[in-house]
Amino acid sequence: MELQIRQMIKRLLSLGYCKFEIKNIVKDAIGNDNIDNLSLAHTKQIVQHLAMYEELGLDYVNNYSK
């Protein structure tokens, strides 16, 4: 699962999110920005949050980036 999180973070970076924004997304999901040694519940929360922001980023790129 940690690999999935890291891949999602790379995709967010390629969409234009800054590292501090991604840290804030993770912090919003679980209360801190450390993604090492996560419980299964925290992993699921982070994946859900990252997926939501990835979708928002893709929508933005598709609709406003020409």
N, C-alpha and C. Protein backbone atom coordinates (compact mmCIF):
# COMPACT_ATOMS: atom_id res chain seq x y z
N MET A 1 0.81 -1.20 0.00
CA MET A 1 0.00 0.00 0.00
C MET A 1 0.85 1.26 0.00
N GLU A 2 1.99 1.19 0.67
CA GLU A 2 2.86 2.36 0.71
C GLU A 2 3.33 2.72 -0.70
N LEU A 3 3.56 1.70 -1.53
CA LEU A 3 3.95 1.95 -2.91
C LEU A 3 2.83 2.68 -3.66
N GLN A 4 1.60 2.28 -3.41
CA GLN A 4 0.46 2.95 -4.05
C GLN A 4 0.40 4.41 -3.64
N ILE A 5 0.63 4.71 -2.39
CA ILE A 5 0.62 6.09 -1.91
C ILE A 5 1.72 6.89 -2.59
N ARG A 6 2.89 6.32 -2.67
CA ARG A 6 4.01 7.03 -3.31
C ARG A 6 3.73 7.28 -4.80
N GLN A 7 3.09 6.34 -5.48
CA GLN A 7 2.74 6.53 -6.88
C GLN A 7 1.69 7.62 -7.03
N MET A 8 0.74 7.65 -6.11
CA MET A 8 -0.29 8.70 -6.16
C MET A 8 0.34 10.07 -5.92
N ILE A 9 1.30 10.13 -5.02
CA ILE A 9 1.98 11.40 -4.75
C ILE A 9 2.73 11.86 -6.00
N LYS A 10 3.38 10.95 -6.70
CA LYS A 10 4.07 11.31 -7.95
C LYS A 10 3.09 11.85 -8.98
N ARG A 11 1.91 11.23 -9.07
CA ARG A 11 0.91 11.72 -10.02
C ARG A 11 0.43 13.12 -9.64
N LEU A 12 0.25 13.35 -8.34
CA LEU A 12 -0.16 14.69 -7.90
C LEU A 12 0.91 15.72 -8.22
N LEU A 13 2.16 15.35 -8.03
CA LEU A 13 3.25 16.26 -8.38
C LEU A 13 3.23 16.59 -9.87
N SER A 14 2.96 15.59 -10.69
CA SER A 14 2.91 15.84 -12.14
C SER A 14 1.70 16.68 -12.53
N LEU A 15 0.66 16.68 -11.70
CA LEU A 15 -0.51 17.53 -11.96
C LEU A 15 -0.30 18.96 -11.51
N GLY A 16 0.81 19.22 -10.81
CA GLY A 16 1.10 20.59 -10.41
C GLY A 16 0.98 20.86 -8.92
N TYR A 17 0.62 19.86 -8.14
CA TYR A 17 0.58 20.07 -6.69
C TYR A 17 2.00 20.21 -6.15
N CYS A 18 2.19 21.09 -5.21
CA CYS A 18 3.49 21.28 -4.56
C CYS A 18 3.63 20.28 -3.42
N LYS A 19 4.87 20.04 -3.03
CA LYS A 19 5.12 19.08 -1.95
C LYS A 19 4.42 19.48 -0.66
N PHE A 20 4.42 20.78 -0.34
CA PHE A 20 3.77 21.20 0.91
C PHE A 20 2.27 21.00 0.83
N GLU A 21 1.68 21.13 -0.36
CA GLU A 21 0.24 20.88 -0.51
C GLU A 21 -0.07 19.40 -0.27
N ILE A 22 0.78 18.53 -0.79
CA ILE A 22 0.57 17.10 -0.60
C ILE A 22 0.74 16.73 0.86
N LYS A 23 1.73 17.33 1.53
CA LYS A 23 1.89 17.08 2.96
C LYS A 23 0.64 17.51 3.71
N ASN A 24 0.06 18.63 3.31
CA ASN A 24 -1.16 19.10 3.97
C ASN A 24 -2.34 18.17 3.70
N ILE A 25 -2.40 17.59 2.52
CA ILE A 25 -3.45 16.63 2.19
C ILE A 25 -3.33 15.41 3.11
N VAL A 26 -2.11 14.90 3.24
CA VAL A 26 -1.87 13.74 4.10
C VAL A 26 -2.18 14.10 5.56
N LYS A 27 -1.74 15.27 5.97
CA LYS A 27 -1.99 15.71 7.35
C LYS A 27 -3.48 15.85 7.61
N ASP A 28 -4.21 16.35 6.65
CA ASP A 28 -5.66 16.47 6.79
C ASP A 28 -6.31 15.09 6.93
N ALA A 29 -5.75 14.11 6.23
CA ALA A 29 -6.33 12.76 6.26
C ALA A 29 -6.10 12.04 7.58
N ILE A 30 -4.88 12.14 8.14
CA ILE A 30 -4.56 11.32 9.31
C ILE A 30 -4.03 12.11 10.51
N GLY A 31 -3.86 13.41 10.37
CA GLY A 31 -3.42 14.22 11.51
C GLY A 31 -1.93 14.51 11.54
N ASN A 32 -1.14 13.83 10.71
CA ASN A 32 0.28 14.15 10.57
C ASN A 32 0.69 13.83 9.14
N ASP A 33 1.92 14.23 8.77
CA ASP A 33 2.33 14.06 7.38
C ASP A 33 3.34 12.92 7.18
N ASN A 34 3.45 12.03 8.15
CA ASN A 34 4.39 10.91 8.07
C ASN A 34 3.68 9.71 7.45
N ILE A 35 4.20 9.21 6.32
CA ILE A 35 3.56 8.07 5.66
C ILE A 35 4.33 6.77 5.88
N ASP A 36 5.26 6.76 6.80
CA ASP A 36 6.01 5.54 7.11
C ASP A 36 5.29 4.75 8.20
N ASN A 37 5.26 3.45 8.07
CA ASN A 37 4.68 2.54 9.06
C ASN A 37 3.23 2.89 9.42
N LEU A 38 2.41 2.99 8.38
CA LEU A 38 1.01 3.36 8.59
C LEU A 38 0.16 2.15 8.94
N SER A 39 -0.87 2.40 9.72
CA SER A 39 -1.87 1.35 9.96
C SER A 39 -2.72 1.23 8.70
N LEU A 40 -3.45 0.14 8.61
CA LEU A 40 -4.31 -0.08 7.45
C LEU A 40 -5.38 1.01 7.35
N ALA A 41 -5.93 1.42 8.48
CA ALA A 41 -6.96 2.46 8.48
C ALA A 41 -6.40 3.79 7.97
N HIS A 42 -5.21 4.16 8.43
CA HIS A 42 -4.58 5.41 7.97
C HIS A 42 -4.24 5.32 6.49
N THR A 43 -3.78 4.17 6.06
CA THR A 43 -3.46 4.00 4.64
C THR A 43 -4.69 4.22 3.78
N LYS A 44 -5.80 3.64 4.19
CA LYS A 44 -7.05 3.81 3.43
C LYS A 44 -7.49 5.26 3.41
N GLN A 45 -7.36 5.94 4.53
CA GLN A 45 -7.74 7.36 4.59
C GLN A 45 -6.88 8.19 3.65
N ILE A 46 -5.59 7.94 3.66
CA ILE A 46 -4.68 8.70 2.79
C ILE A 46 -5.00 8.43 1.32
N VAL A 47 -5.20 7.16 0.98
CA VAL A 47 -5.50 6.81 -0.42
C VAL A 47 -6.78 7.51 -0.86
N GLN A 48 -7.80 7.54 -0.01
CA GLN A 48 -9.05 8.22 -0.37
C GLN A 48 -8.83 9.71 -0.59
N HIS A 49 -8.08 10.34 0.29
CA HIS A 49 -7.82 11.78 0.15
C HIS A 49 -6.99 12.06 -1.10
N LEU A 50 -5.94 11.30 -1.32
CA LEU A 50 -5.10 11.52 -2.49
C LEU A 50 -5.90 11.30 -3.77
N ALA A 51 -6.74 10.29 -3.79
CA ALA A 51 -7.57 10.01 -4.98
C ALA A 51 -8.51 11.18 -5.26
N MET A 52 -9.09 11.74 -4.21
CA MET A 52 -10.00 12.88 -4.38
C MET A 52 -9.25 14.06 -5.00
N TYR A 53 -8.05 14.36 -4.48
CA TYR A 53 -7.29 15.49 -5.00
C TYR A 53 -6.74 15.20 -6.40
N GLU A 54 -6.45 13.95 -6.68
CA GLU A 54 -6.01 13.59 -8.03
C GLU A 54 -7.15 13.83 -9.02
N GLU A 55 -8.35 13.44 -8.64
CA GLU A 55 -9.51 13.66 -9.49
C GLU A 55 -9.74 15.16 -9.71
N LEU A 56 -9.64 15.95 -8.64
CA LEU A 56 -9.79 17.40 -8.78
C LEU A 56 -8.73 17.98 -9.71
N GLY A 57 -7.50 17.51 -9.56
CA GLY A 57 -6.42 18.00 -10.41
C GLY A 57 -6.62 17.63 -11.87
N LEU A 58 -7.07 16.41 -12.12
CA LEU A 58 -7.34 15.99 -13.49
C LEU A 58 -8.48 16.79 -14.10
N ASP A 59 -9.53 17.04 -13.31
CA ASP A 59 -10.64 17.87 -13.79
C ASP A 59 -10.15 19.26 -14.15
N TYR A 60 -9.31 19.83 -13.31
CA TYR A 60 -8.79 21.16 -13.58
C TYR A 60 -7.97 21.18 -14.87
N VAL A 61 -7.08 20.22 -15.01
CA VAL A 61 -6.24 20.15 -16.21
C VAL A 61 -7.11 19.98 -17.45
N ASN A 62 -8.09 19.12 -17.38
CA ASN A 62 -8.94 18.86 -18.54
C ASN A 62 -9.84 20.04 -18.91
N ASN A 63 -10.27 20.81 -17.91
CA ASN A 63 -11.22 21.89 -18.18
C ASN A 63 -10.59 23.25 -18.39
N TYR A 64 -9.44 23.52 -17.78
CA TYR A 64 -8.91 24.87 -17.81
C TYR A 64 -7.52 25.00 -18.44
N SER A 65 -6.93 23.92 -18.74
CA SER A 65 -5.57 23.94 -19.26
C SER A 65 -5.62 23.66 -20.75
N LYS A 66 -5.42 24.66 -21.54
CA LYS A 66 -5.50 24.48 -23.00
C LYS A 66 -4.27 25.03 -23.66
